Amino acid sequence: MRNRGTRRTRVRSGILTERPGRSRPAGGRVLLLNKPYQVLCQFSRDSGRACLADYVDVPDVYPAGRLDADSEGLVVLTADGRLQQRITDPRHKLPKTYWVQVEGVPTAEQLAHLARGVDLGDFVTRPAEVRRIPEPEGLWPRHPPIRFRQSIPTSWLEIVLREGKNRQVRRMTARVGLPTLRLVRVAVGPWRLDGLQPGQWRWADAADLR
């Protein structure tokens, strides 16, 4: 029997997804969204650009932390102000995991520099977990695709931060000589994308955050 609380909705990106009908979010849940490229991490439509309201039709949820328009991946939304604070406050050191495509092939020193902390002028980044990874399997193509330069190879890194300043990952990689070409957040604390395609979302248990 079809669940009357769900409906099929075509989102702006053209992806057909199953989404719950409009209802107040139940306590103890968070909403996990795979934010597409060039979508603003806000619900207001004042700029005329695509925003969260084009993908999430649930009232009274708000992003716990932002993701730049030119970055993709996991955004956690909640109606619980305390939970939002716990996710975003760097004092709680909640890990956030990013897959980062960079221009060039990183040296051991560049990776070590990213890991121990980078002086960005206005602040020095906290120590991070950094490793080189193969191109992630099953990663969706970006539209539009990144611009490749034939003479310069690209590489993928996995970077785990326990803080989140404005455009921090891009600034870090640029400072060590590895400009970011593509940035995908794949995890926030215990929550991961796990198969969500751009524009799709699902509910998750807030109790996963212990």
N, C-alpha and C. Protein backbone atom coordinates (compact mmCIF):
# COMPACT_ATOMS: atom_id res chain seq x y z
N MET A 1 0.86 -1.19 0.00
CA MET A 1 0.00 0.00 0.00
C MET A 1 0.88 1.23 0.00
N ARG A 2 0.54 2.22 -0.81
CA ARG A 2 1.35 3.42 -0.89
C ARG A 2 1.17 4.27 0.35
N ASN A 3 2.28 4.77 0.89
CA ASN A 3 2.24 5.66 2.04
C ASN A 3 1.72 7.02 1.60
N ARG A 4 0.59 7.44 2.15
CA ARG A 4 -0.01 8.70 1.74
C ARG A 4 0.80 9.90 2.21
N GLY A 5 1.76 9.67 3.08
CA GLY A 5 2.59 10.77 3.56
C GLY A 5 3.73 11.09 2.63
N THR A 6 3.84 10.37 1.50
CA THR A 6 4.91 10.66 0.56
C THR A 6 4.32 11.01 -0.78
N ARG A 7 5.10 11.69 -1.58
CA ARG A 7 4.68 12.02 -2.93
C ARG A 7 5.91 12.09 -3.80
N ARG A 8 5.69 11.96 -5.09
CA ARG A 8 6.81 12.06 -6.01
C ARG A 8 6.87 13.50 -6.49
N THR A 9 8.05 14.07 -6.38
CA THR A 9 8.21 15.48 -6.68
C THR A 9 9.42 15.67 -7.56
N ARG A 10 9.27 16.45 -8.63
CA ARG A 10 10.41 16.73 -9.49
C ARG A 10 11.10 17.98 -8.99
N VAL A 11 12.36 17.84 -8.61
CA VAL A 11 13.10 18.98 -8.11
C VAL A 11 13.76 19.69 -9.28
N ARG A 12 14.31 20.89 -9.00
CA ARG A 12 14.84 21.73 -10.07
C ARG A 12 15.93 21.03 -10.86
N SER A 13 16.73 20.20 -10.21
CA SER A 13 17.83 19.54 -10.90
C SER A 13 17.35 18.49 -11.89
N GLY A 14 16.06 18.17 -11.89
CA GLY A 14 15.54 17.17 -12.80
C GLY A 14 15.53 15.78 -12.22
N ILE A 15 16.00 15.63 -10.98
CA ILE A 15 16.00 14.32 -10.35
C ILE A 15 14.64 14.06 -9.72
N LEU A 16 14.10 12.89 -9.95
CA LEU A 16 12.81 12.53 -9.38
C LEU A 16 13.06 11.81 -8.07
N THR A 17 12.51 12.32 -6.98
CA THR A 17 12.78 11.75 -5.67
C THR A 17 11.49 11.51 -4.91
N GLU A 18 11.57 10.63 -3.93
CA GLU A 18 10.47 10.44 -2.99
C GLU A 18 10.67 11.42 -1.85
N ARG A 19 9.65 12.22 -1.54
CA ARG A 19 9.78 13.20 -0.48
C ARG A 19 8.54 13.17 0.39
N PRO A 20 8.69 13.30 1.72
CA PRO A 20 7.51 13.37 2.56
C PRO A 20 6.68 14.61 2.24
N GLY A 21 5.36 14.52 2.45
CA GLY A 21 4.52 15.68 2.29
C GLY A 21 4.80 16.69 3.38
N ARG A 22 4.25 17.89 3.24
CA ARG A 22 4.50 18.95 4.20
C ARG A 22 3.93 18.56 5.56
N SER A 23 4.78 18.50 6.53
CA SER A 23 4.36 18.24 7.90
C SER A 23 5.46 18.73 8.82
N ARG A 24 5.09 19.05 10.03
CA ARG A 24 6.10 19.53 10.97
C ARG A 24 7.05 18.38 11.30
N PRO A 25 8.36 18.61 11.22
CA PRO A 25 9.30 17.53 11.46
C PRO A 25 9.19 16.99 12.88
N ALA A 26 9.21 15.68 13.00
CA ALA A 26 9.11 15.07 14.32
C ALA A 26 10.39 15.31 15.10
N GLY A 27 10.26 15.41 16.42
CA GLY A 27 11.42 15.58 17.27
C GLY A 27 12.33 14.37 17.17
N GLY A 28 13.63 14.60 17.39
CA GLY A 28 14.58 13.50 17.39
C GLY A 28 15.06 13.09 16.02
N ARG A 29 14.73 13.89 14.98
CA ARG A 29 15.20 13.57 13.63
C ARG A 29 15.96 14.74 13.04
N VAL A 30 16.85 14.42 12.14
CA VAL A 30 17.51 15.43 11.33
C VAL A 30 17.27 15.08 9.87
N LEU A 31 17.36 16.08 9.03
CA LEU A 31 17.16 15.89 7.60
C LEU A 31 18.51 16.00 6.93
N LEU A 32 18.86 15.00 6.13
CA LEU A 32 20.14 14.96 5.43
C LEU A 32 19.90 15.24 3.95
N LEU A 33 20.50 16.31 3.44
CA LEU A 33 20.33 16.72 2.05
C LEU A 33 21.66 16.67 1.33
N ASN A 34 21.63 16.16 0.11
CA ASN A 34 22.79 16.29 -0.78
C ASN A 34 22.60 17.57 -1.59
N LYS A 35 23.25 18.64 -1.14
CA LYS A 35 23.09 19.94 -1.80
C LYS A 35 23.81 19.94 -3.14
N PRO A 36 23.10 20.26 -4.22
CA PRO A 36 23.76 20.29 -5.51
C PRO A 36 24.68 21.50 -5.67
N TYR A 37 25.52 21.43 -6.66
CA TYR A 37 26.42 22.53 -7.03
C TYR A 37 25.62 23.76 -7.41
N GLN A 38 26.10 24.92 -6.98
CA GLN A 38 25.51 26.23 -7.28
C GLN A 38 24.14 26.47 -6.63
N VAL A 39 23.82 25.71 -5.60
CA VAL A 39 22.61 25.95 -4.82
C VAL A 39 23.01 26.67 -3.53
N LEU A 40 22.33 27.77 -3.23
CA LEU A 40 22.62 28.53 -2.02
C LEU A 40 22.12 27.77 -0.79
N CYS A 41 22.90 27.81 0.27
CA CYS A 41 22.56 27.09 1.50
C CYS A 41 21.68 27.98 2.38
N GLN A 42 20.51 28.34 1.85
CA GLN A 42 19.54 29.17 2.55
C GLN A 42 18.18 28.91 1.95
N PHE A 43 17.12 29.29 2.67
CA PHE A 43 15.77 29.08 2.17
C PHE A 43 15.20 30.31 1.48
N SER A 44 15.75 31.47 1.73
CA SER A 44 15.22 32.69 1.12
C SER A 44 15.58 32.75 -0.36
N ARG A 45 14.66 33.28 -1.15
CA ARG A 45 14.84 33.34 -2.60
C ARG A 45 15.18 34.77 -3.06
N ASP A 46 15.77 35.57 -2.19
CA ASP A 46 15.96 36.97 -2.51
C ASP A 46 16.95 37.22 -3.65
N SER A 47 17.79 36.26 -3.95
CA SER A 47 18.80 36.46 -5.00
C SER A 47 18.34 35.96 -6.37
N GLY A 48 17.23 35.23 -6.41
CA GLY A 48 16.79 34.65 -7.68
C GLY A 48 17.51 33.39 -8.06
N ARG A 49 18.46 32.93 -7.23
CA ARG A 49 19.21 31.71 -7.53
C ARG A 49 18.57 30.52 -6.83
N ALA A 50 18.95 29.32 -7.28
CA ALA A 50 18.45 28.11 -6.64
C ALA A 50 18.87 28.10 -5.17
N CYS A 51 17.97 27.62 -4.31
CA CYS A 51 18.25 27.59 -2.88
C CYS A 51 17.63 26.33 -2.28
N LEU A 52 17.77 26.15 -0.97
CA LEU A 52 17.28 24.95 -0.31
C LEU A 52 15.79 24.75 -0.49
N ALA A 53 15.04 25.85 -0.61
CA ALA A 53 13.58 25.75 -0.76
C ALA A 53 13.18 25.03 -2.04
N ASP A 54 14.08 24.95 -3.02
CA ASP A 54 13.79 24.23 -4.25
C ASP A 54 13.89 22.71 -4.07
N TYR A 55 14.43 22.27 -2.94
CA TYR A 55 14.67 20.84 -2.73
C TYR A 55 14.03 20.31 -1.45
N VAL A 56 13.83 21.14 -0.46
CA VAL A 56 13.31 20.71 0.84
C VAL A 56 11.99 21.42 1.10
N ASP A 57 10.90 20.66 1.14
CA ASP A 57 9.56 21.21 1.34
C ASP A 57 9.05 20.84 2.73
N VAL A 58 9.90 21.06 3.72
CA VAL A 58 9.58 20.75 5.11
C VAL A 58 9.71 22.03 5.91
N PRO A 59 8.69 22.42 6.67
CA PRO A 59 8.77 23.68 7.40
C PRO A 59 9.64 23.58 8.66
N ASP A 60 10.19 24.71 9.04
CA ASP A 60 10.83 24.88 10.35
C ASP A 60 12.11 24.08 10.54
N VAL A 61 12.77 23.69 9.45
CA VAL A 61 14.10 23.11 9.58
C VAL A 61 15.10 24.10 9.00
N TYR A 62 16.30 24.10 9.59
CA TYR A 62 17.33 25.06 9.19
C TYR A 62 18.67 24.36 9.13
N PRO A 63 19.55 24.81 8.23
CA PRO A 63 20.85 24.14 8.10
C PRO A 63 21.71 24.35 9.33
N ALA A 64 22.32 23.27 9.78
CA ALA A 64 23.28 23.33 10.88
C ALA A 64 24.66 23.48 10.27
N GLY A 65 25.02 24.72 9.96
CA GLY A 65 26.25 24.99 9.24
C GLY A 65 25.96 25.15 7.76
N ARG A 66 26.82 25.88 7.10
CA ARG A 66 26.59 26.18 5.69
C ARG A 66 27.59 25.45 4.80
N LEU A 67 27.26 25.44 3.51
CA LEU A 67 28.13 24.88 2.49
C LEU A 67 28.09 25.86 1.32
N ASP A 68 29.25 26.29 0.86
CA ASP A 68 29.30 27.29 -0.20
C ASP A 68 28.50 26.86 -1.42
N ALA A 69 28.02 27.84 -2.18
CA ALA A 69 27.26 27.53 -3.38
C ALA A 69 28.05 26.68 -4.35
N ASP A 70 29.36 26.92 -4.45
CA ASP A 70 30.17 26.16 -5.40
C ASP A 70 30.74 24.87 -4.81
N SER A 71 30.24 24.48 -3.63
CA SER A 71 30.57 23.19 -3.03
C SER A 71 29.31 22.32 -3.04
N GLU A 72 29.52 21.02 -2.95
CA GLU A 72 28.42 20.06 -3.04
C GLU A 72 28.41 19.17 -1.80
N GLY A 73 27.29 18.46 -1.62
CA GLY A 73 27.29 17.41 -0.63
C GLY A 73 26.40 17.63 0.57
N LEU A 74 26.79 17.02 1.68
CA LEU A 74 25.90 16.85 2.82
C LEU A 74 25.66 18.15 3.58
N VAL A 75 24.38 18.46 3.75
CA VAL A 75 23.93 19.52 4.65
C VAL A 75 22.96 18.89 5.63
N VAL A 76 23.17 19.11 6.91
CA VAL A 76 22.29 18.60 7.96
C VAL A 76 21.34 19.72 8.36
N LEU A 77 20.03 19.42 8.34
CA LEU A 77 19.02 20.40 8.73
C LEU A 77 18.26 19.88 9.94
N THR A 78 17.88 20.80 10.83
CA THR A 78 17.19 20.40 12.04
C THR A 78 16.26 21.51 12.50
N ALA A 79 15.25 21.14 13.27
CA ALA A 79 14.36 22.12 13.90
C ALA A 79 14.77 22.37 15.35
N ASP A 80 15.81 21.69 15.81
CA ASP A 80 16.24 21.76 17.20
C ASP A 80 17.42 22.73 17.32
N GLY A 81 17.18 23.87 17.96
CA GLY A 81 18.23 24.87 18.08
C GLY A 81 19.44 24.40 18.85
N ARG A 82 19.22 23.61 19.90
CA ARG A 82 20.36 23.10 20.68
C ARG A 82 21.20 22.13 19.86
N LEU A 83 20.53 21.29 19.10
CA LEU A 83 21.26 20.35 18.25
C LEU A 83 22.03 21.11 17.17
N GLN A 84 21.42 22.12 16.60
CA GLN A 84 22.10 22.94 15.61
C GLN A 84 23.37 23.54 16.19
N GLN A 85 23.29 24.03 17.41
CA GLN A 85 24.46 24.61 18.08
C GLN A 85 25.53 23.56 18.30
N ARG A 86 25.12 22.37 18.69
CA ARG A 86 26.09 21.31 18.96
C ARG A 86 26.82 20.89 17.69
N ILE A 87 26.12 20.89 16.57
CA ILE A 87 26.73 20.50 15.30
C ILE A 87 27.71 21.56 14.82
N THR A 88 27.38 22.82 15.01
CA THR A 88 28.17 23.90 14.40
C THR A 88 29.26 24.45 15.31
N ASP A 89 29.10 24.35 16.62
CA ASP A 89 30.06 24.96 17.53
C ASP A 89 31.38 24.19 17.50
N PRO A 90 32.51 24.84 17.12
CA PRO A 90 33.79 24.12 17.03
C PRO A 90 34.27 23.57 18.36
N ARG A 91 33.72 24.04 19.47
CA ARG A 91 34.13 23.49 20.77
C ARG A 91 33.78 22.02 20.90
N HIS A 92 32.77 21.58 20.16
CA HIS A 92 32.37 20.17 20.22
C HIS A 92 33.20 19.30 19.28
N LYS A 93 33.99 19.94 18.41
CA LYS A 93 34.94 19.24 17.53
C LYS A 93 34.28 18.11 16.73
N LEU A 94 33.10 18.38 16.19
CA LEU A 94 32.41 17.38 15.38
C LEU A 94 33.12 17.26 14.04
N PRO A 95 33.56 16.07 13.65
CA PRO A 95 34.31 15.94 12.40
C PRO A 95 33.42 16.14 11.18
N LYS A 96 33.97 16.81 10.20
CA LYS A 96 33.30 17.00 8.91
C LYS A 96 34.28 16.53 7.83
N THR A 97 33.81 15.61 6.98
CA THR A 97 34.67 14.95 6.02
C THR A 97 34.39 15.45 4.61
N TYR A 98 35.46 15.79 3.90
CA TYR A 98 35.35 16.34 2.55
C TYR A 98 36.20 15.52 1.58
N TRP A 99 35.65 15.33 0.39
CA TRP A 99 36.46 14.84 -0.73
C TRP A 99 36.79 16.05 -1.59
N VAL A 100 38.08 16.22 -1.86
CA VAL A 100 38.55 17.44 -2.51
C VAL A 100 39.39 17.09 -3.73
N GLN A 101 38.94 17.53 -4.89
CA GLN A 101 39.75 17.38 -6.10
C GLN A 101 40.61 18.61 -6.26
N VAL A 102 41.91 18.41 -6.34
CA VAL A 102 42.84 19.53 -6.40
C VAL A 102 43.64 19.48 -7.69
N GLU A 103 44.17 20.62 -8.04
CA GLU A 103 45.04 20.73 -9.21
C GLU A 103 46.46 20.38 -8.78
N GLY A 104 47.07 19.42 -9.47
CA GLY A 104 48.43 19.01 -9.15
C GLY A 104 48.47 17.70 -8.39
N VAL A 105 49.67 17.24 -8.12
CA VAL A 105 49.90 16.01 -7.37
C VAL A 105 50.56 16.39 -6.05
N PRO A 106 49.91 16.14 -4.93
CA PRO A 106 50.44 16.61 -3.65
C PRO A 106 51.70 15.87 -3.24
N THR A 107 52.62 16.61 -2.67
CA THR A 107 53.82 16.01 -2.09
C THR A 107 53.54 15.64 -0.64
N ALA A 108 54.44 14.86 -0.07
CA ALA A 108 54.30 14.49 1.34
C ALA A 108 54.33 15.74 2.22
N GLU A 109 55.14 16.73 1.87
CA GLU A 109 55.21 17.95 2.66
C GLU A 109 53.92 18.76 2.57
N GLN A 110 53.34 18.82 1.40
CA GLN A 110 52.07 19.54 1.27
C GLN A 110 50.97 18.88 2.10
N LEU A 111 50.91 17.55 2.09
CA LEU A 111 49.91 16.84 2.89
C LEU A 111 50.16 17.07 4.38
N ALA A 112 51.45 17.03 4.78
CA ALA A 112 51.78 17.25 6.18
C ALA A 112 51.43 18.67 6.62
N HIS A 113 51.64 19.63 5.73
CA HIS A 113 51.32 21.03 6.02
C HIS A 113 49.81 21.19 6.26
N LEU A 114 49.00 20.60 5.38
CA LEU A 114 47.55 20.66 5.57
C LEU A 114 47.14 20.02 6.89
N ALA A 115 47.80 18.93 7.24
CA ALA A 115 47.42 18.18 8.44
C ALA A 115 47.80 18.90 9.73
N ARG A 116 48.94 19.55 9.75
CA ARG A 116 49.38 20.16 11.01
C ARG A 116 48.79 21.54 11.26
N GLY A 117 48.25 22.17 10.20
CA GLY A 117 47.66 23.49 10.36
C GLY A 117 48.26 24.47 9.37
N VAL A 118 47.40 25.32 8.81
CA VAL A 118 47.83 26.26 7.77
C VAL A 118 47.54 27.68 8.26
N ASP A 119 48.54 28.54 8.14
CA ASP A 119 48.36 29.94 8.50
C ASP A 119 47.68 30.66 7.35
N LEU A 120 46.41 31.04 7.54
CA LEU A 120 45.65 31.71 6.48
C LEU A 120 45.64 33.22 6.64
N GLY A 121 46.47 33.73 7.53
CA GLY A 121 46.55 35.17 7.74
C GLY A 121 45.65 35.64 8.86
N ASP A 122 44.35 35.41 8.73
CA ASP A 122 43.42 35.82 9.78
C ASP A 122 43.29 34.77 10.89
N PHE A 123 43.71 33.54 10.61
CA PHE A 123 43.74 32.50 11.65
C PHE A 123 44.58 31.33 11.15
N VAL A 124 44.99 30.48 12.08
CA VAL A 124 45.72 29.25 11.76
C VAL A 124 44.76 28.08 11.95
N THR A 125 44.65 27.22 10.95
CA THR A 125 43.70 26.12 11.04
C THR A 125 44.14 25.10 12.08
N ARG A 126 43.17 24.45 12.65
CA ARG A 126 43.47 23.38 13.60
C ARG A 126 44.04 22.17 12.86
N PRO A 127 44.73 21.28 13.56
CA PRO A 127 45.20 20.05 12.92
C PRO A 127 44.03 19.29 12.29
N ALA A 128 44.29 18.70 11.14
CA ALA A 128 43.26 17.99 10.38
C ALA A 128 43.78 16.61 9.98
N GLU A 129 42.86 15.75 9.61
CA GLU A 129 43.23 14.45 9.03
C GLU A 129 43.22 14.60 7.52
N VAL A 130 44.33 14.28 6.89
CA VAL A 130 44.47 14.49 5.45
C VAL A 130 45.14 13.27 4.83
N ARG A 131 44.55 12.78 3.76
CA ARG A 131 45.18 11.68 3.03
C ARG A 131 44.79 11.75 1.56
N ARG A 132 45.65 11.22 0.73
CA ARG A 132 45.34 11.14 -0.69
C ARG A 132 44.49 9.90 -0.93
N ILE A 133 43.48 10.01 -1.79
CA ILE A 133 42.58 8.90 -2.09
C ILE A 133 42.43 8.77 -3.61
N PRO A 134 42.05 7.59 -4.09
CA PRO A 134 41.71 7.47 -5.51
C PRO A 134 40.43 8.23 -5.79
N GLU A 135 40.14 8.47 -7.06
CA GLU A 135 38.89 9.13 -7.41
C GLU A 135 37.73 8.33 -6.84
N PRO A 136 36.85 8.96 -6.07
CA PRO A 136 35.78 8.22 -5.40
C PRO A 136 34.87 7.48 -6.39
N GLU A 137 34.62 6.21 -6.11
CA GLU A 137 33.74 5.42 -6.96
C GLU A 137 32.30 5.87 -6.77
N GLY A 138 31.56 5.93 -7.86
CA GLY A 138 30.15 6.24 -7.79
C GLY A 138 29.83 7.71 -7.58
N LEU A 139 30.86 8.57 -7.60
CA LEU A 139 30.59 10.00 -7.42
C LEU A 139 29.89 10.53 -8.67
N TRP A 140 28.80 11.25 -8.46
CA TRP A 140 28.00 11.78 -9.57
C TRP A 140 28.81 12.81 -10.36
N PRO A 141 28.55 12.95 -11.64
CA PRO A 141 29.22 14.01 -12.41
C PRO A 141 28.72 15.38 -12.00
N ARG A 142 29.60 16.36 -12.04
CA ARG A 142 29.18 17.72 -11.71
C ARG A 142 28.71 18.43 -12.97
N HIS A 143 27.67 19.23 -12.82
CA HIS A 143 27.15 20.02 -13.94
C HIS A 143 27.16 21.50 -13.53
N PRO A 144 27.95 22.33 -14.26
CA PRO A 144 28.87 21.97 -15.33
C PRO A 144 30.12 21.30 -14.76
N PRO A 145 30.84 20.55 -15.60
CA PRO A 145 32.05 19.88 -15.11
C PRO A 145 33.15 20.89 -14.80
N ILE A 146 34.14 20.44 -14.03
CA ILE A 146 35.27 21.30 -13.74
C ILE A 146 36.08 21.51 -15.02
N ARG A 147 36.88 22.55 -15.03
CA ARG A 147 37.74 22.83 -16.18
C ARG A 147 39.10 22.19 -15.98
N PHE A 148 39.41 21.26 -16.86
CA PHE A 148 40.70 20.59 -16.80
C PHE A 148 41.72 21.34 -17.64
N ARG A 149 42.98 21.31 -17.18
CA ARG A 149 44.09 21.79 -18.01
C ARG A 149 44.93 20.58 -18.36
N GLN A 150 45.05 20.30 -19.65
CA GLN A 150 45.68 19.06 -20.10
C GLN A 150 47.07 18.87 -19.53
N SER A 151 47.79 19.95 -19.35
CA SER A 151 49.19 19.84 -18.92
C SER A 151 49.34 19.65 -17.41
N ILE A 152 48.24 19.77 -16.66
CA ILE A 152 48.33 19.68 -15.20
C ILE A 152 47.42 18.56 -14.70
N PRO A 153 47.98 17.56 -14.01
CA PRO A 153 47.15 16.46 -13.49
C PRO A 153 46.33 16.94 -12.30
N THR A 154 45.34 16.14 -11.93
CA THR A 154 44.54 16.42 -10.73
C THR A 154 44.61 15.24 -9.78
N SER A 155 44.31 15.49 -8.52
CA SER A 155 44.34 14.47 -7.49
C SER A 155 43.16 14.65 -6.56
N TRP A 156 42.83 13.58 -5.82
CA TRP A 156 41.76 13.64 -4.83
C TRP A 156 42.33 13.48 -3.43
N LEU A 157 41.83 14.30 -2.50
CA LEU A 157 42.20 14.22 -1.10
C LEU A 157 40.95 13.98 -0.26
N GLU A 158 41.13 13.34 0.88
CA GLU A 158 40.10 13.30 1.91
C GLU A 158 40.59 14.14 3.07
N ILE A 159 39.82 15.14 3.46
CA ILE A 159 40.20 16.05 4.54
C ILE A 159 39.10 16.02 5.59
N VAL A 160 39.50 15.77 6.84
CA VAL A 160 38.56 15.77 7.96
C VAL A 160 38.90 16.95 8.86
N LEU A 161 37.95 17.89 8.98
CA LEU A 161 38.13 19.06 9.83
C LEU A 161 37.25 18.95 11.06
N ARG A 162 37.67 19.62 12.13
CA ARG A 162 36.85 19.72 13.33
C ARG A 162 36.56 21.19 13.64
N GLU A 163 36.50 21.96 12.59
CA GLU A 163 36.10 23.36 12.63
C GLU A 163 35.54 23.66 11.25
N GLY A 164 35.01 24.85 11.04
CA GLY A 164 34.41 25.14 9.74
C GLY A 164 34.30 26.63 9.49
N LYS A 165 35.41 27.26 9.11
CA LYS A 165 35.40 28.68 8.78
C LYS A 165 35.02 28.85 7.31
N ASN A 166 34.69 30.08 6.94
CA ASN A 166 34.24 30.38 5.58
C ASN A 166 35.29 29.99 4.54
N ARG A 167 34.91 29.12 3.63
CA ARG A 167 35.75 28.67 2.51
C ARG A 167 37.10 28.12 2.99
N GLN A 168 37.07 27.49 4.15
CA GLN A 168 38.32 27.06 4.78
C GLN A 168 39.10 26.05 3.95
N VAL A 169 38.43 25.01 3.45
CA VAL A 169 39.15 23.98 2.71
C VAL A 169 39.80 24.58 1.46
N ARG A 170 39.06 25.39 0.73
CA ARG A 170 39.62 26.01 -0.48
C ARG A 170 40.82 26.90 -0.16
N ARG A 171 40.72 27.65 0.92
CA ARG A 171 41.83 28.51 1.30
C ARG A 171 43.04 27.70 1.74
N MET A 172 42.81 26.60 2.44
CA MET A 172 43.92 25.75 2.89
C MET A 172 44.67 25.16 1.72
N THR A 173 43.94 24.55 0.78
CA THR A 173 44.63 23.89 -0.33
C THR A 173 45.32 24.91 -1.23
N ALA A 174 44.70 26.08 -1.41
CA ALA A 174 45.34 27.11 -2.23
C ALA A 174 46.63 27.59 -1.58
N ARG A 175 46.64 27.73 -0.26
CA ARG A 175 47.83 28.23 0.43
C ARG A 175 49.02 27.30 0.29
N VAL A 176 48.76 25.98 0.21
CA VAL A 176 49.89 25.05 0.06
C VAL A 176 50.19 24.73 -1.40
N GLY A 177 49.51 25.41 -2.34
CA GLY A 177 49.81 25.24 -3.76
C GLY A 177 49.01 24.17 -4.46
N LEU A 178 47.83 23.84 -3.92
CA LEU A 178 46.97 22.82 -4.51
C LEU A 178 45.56 23.39 -4.66
N PRO A 179 45.31 24.20 -5.67
CA PRO A 179 43.99 24.83 -5.80
C PRO A 179 42.87 23.80 -5.89
N THR A 180 41.77 24.06 -5.18
CA THR A 180 40.62 23.16 -5.19
C THR A 180 39.83 23.34 -6.49
N LEU A 181 39.53 22.22 -7.14
CA LEU A 181 38.70 22.22 -8.34
C LEU A 181 37.28 21.78 -8.04
N ARG A 182 37.14 20.87 -7.10
CA ARG A 182 35.82 20.36 -6.73
C ARG A 182 35.84 19.99 -5.26
N LEU A 183 34.75 20.30 -4.56
CA LEU A 183 34.68 20.06 -3.12
C LEU A 183 33.33 19.44 -2.78
N VAL A 184 33.38 18.25 -2.17
CA VAL A 184 32.17 17.50 -1.82
C VAL A 184 32.24 17.13 -0.34
N ARG A 185 31.26 17.58 0.44
CA ARG A 185 31.21 17.15 1.84
C ARG A 185 30.43 15.84 1.90
N VAL A 186 31.05 14.82 2.45
CA VAL A 186 30.44 13.49 2.45
C VAL A 186 29.96 13.05 3.83
N ALA A 187 30.39 13.73 4.89
CA ALA A 187 29.97 13.32 6.23
C ALA A 187 30.03 14.50 7.19
N VAL A 188 29.09 14.51 8.12
CA VAL A 188 29.08 15.43 9.26
C VAL A 188 28.85 14.58 10.49
N GLY A 189 29.87 14.45 11.33
CA GLY A 189 29.74 13.56 12.48
C GLY A 189 29.36 12.16 12.05
N PRO A 190 28.29 11.59 12.61
CA PRO A 190 27.91 10.20 12.29
C PRO A 190 27.11 10.07 11.00
N TRP A 191 26.72 11.19 10.39
CA TRP A 191 25.82 11.14 9.23
C TRP A 191 26.61 11.24 7.94
N ARG A 192 26.25 10.38 6.97
CA ARG A 192 26.93 10.34 5.68
C ARG A 192 25.91 10.42 4.55
N LEU A 193 26.43 10.76 3.37
CA LEU A 193 25.55 10.82 2.19
C LEU A 193 24.95 9.45 1.88
N ASP A 194 25.81 8.43 1.84
CA ASP A 194 25.35 7.04 1.66
C ASP A 194 24.29 6.88 0.58
N GLY A 195 24.64 7.23 -0.65
CA GLY A 195 23.76 6.96 -1.78
C GLY A 195 22.84 8.09 -2.17
N LEU A 196 22.74 9.13 -1.39
CA LEU A 196 21.90 10.27 -1.78
C LEU A 196 22.47 10.94 -3.02
N GLN A 197 21.63 11.15 -4.01
CA GLN A 197 22.04 11.85 -5.22
C GLN A 197 21.76 13.35 -5.04
N PRO A 198 22.37 14.19 -5.87
CA PRO A 198 22.16 15.63 -5.72
C PRO A 198 20.67 15.99 -5.73
N GLY A 199 20.25 16.76 -4.74
CA GLY A 199 18.86 17.18 -4.62
C GLY A 199 17.99 16.24 -3.81
N GLN A 200 18.48 15.08 -3.46
CA GLN A 200 17.71 14.12 -2.67
C GLN A 200 18.00 14.29 -1.19
N TRP A 201 17.02 13.92 -0.35
CA TRP A 201 17.21 13.97 1.08
C TRP A 201 16.48 12.81 1.76
N ARG A 202 16.85 12.60 3.02
CA ARG A 202 16.18 11.58 3.83
C ARG A 202 16.27 11.99 5.30
N TRP A 203 15.41 11.38 6.11
CA TRP A 203 15.46 11.59 7.55
C TRP A 203 16.52 10.69 8.17
N ALA A 204 17.10 11.14 9.29
CA ALA A 204 18.04 10.34 10.07
C ALA A 204 17.77 10.59 11.55
N ASP A 205 18.27 9.73 12.37
CA ASP A 205 18.03 9.79 13.81
C ASP A 205 19.02 10.75 14.46
N ALA A 206 18.53 11.76 15.15
CA ALA A 206 19.42 12.69 15.86
C ALA A 206 20.21 11.99 16.95
N ALA A 207 19.68 10.88 17.45
CA ALA A 207 20.36 10.16 18.52
C ALA A 207 21.67 9.51 18.06
N ASP A 208 21.89 9.48 16.72
CA ASP A 208 23.16 8.98 16.22
C ASP A 208 24.33 9.82 16.71
N LEU A 209 24.06 11.08 17.03
CA LEU A 209 25.08 11.99 17.55
C LEU A 209 25.16 11.79 19.06
N ARG A 210 26.19 11.12 19.51
CA ARG A 210 26.29 10.79 20.94
C ARG A 210 27.45 11.56 21.56
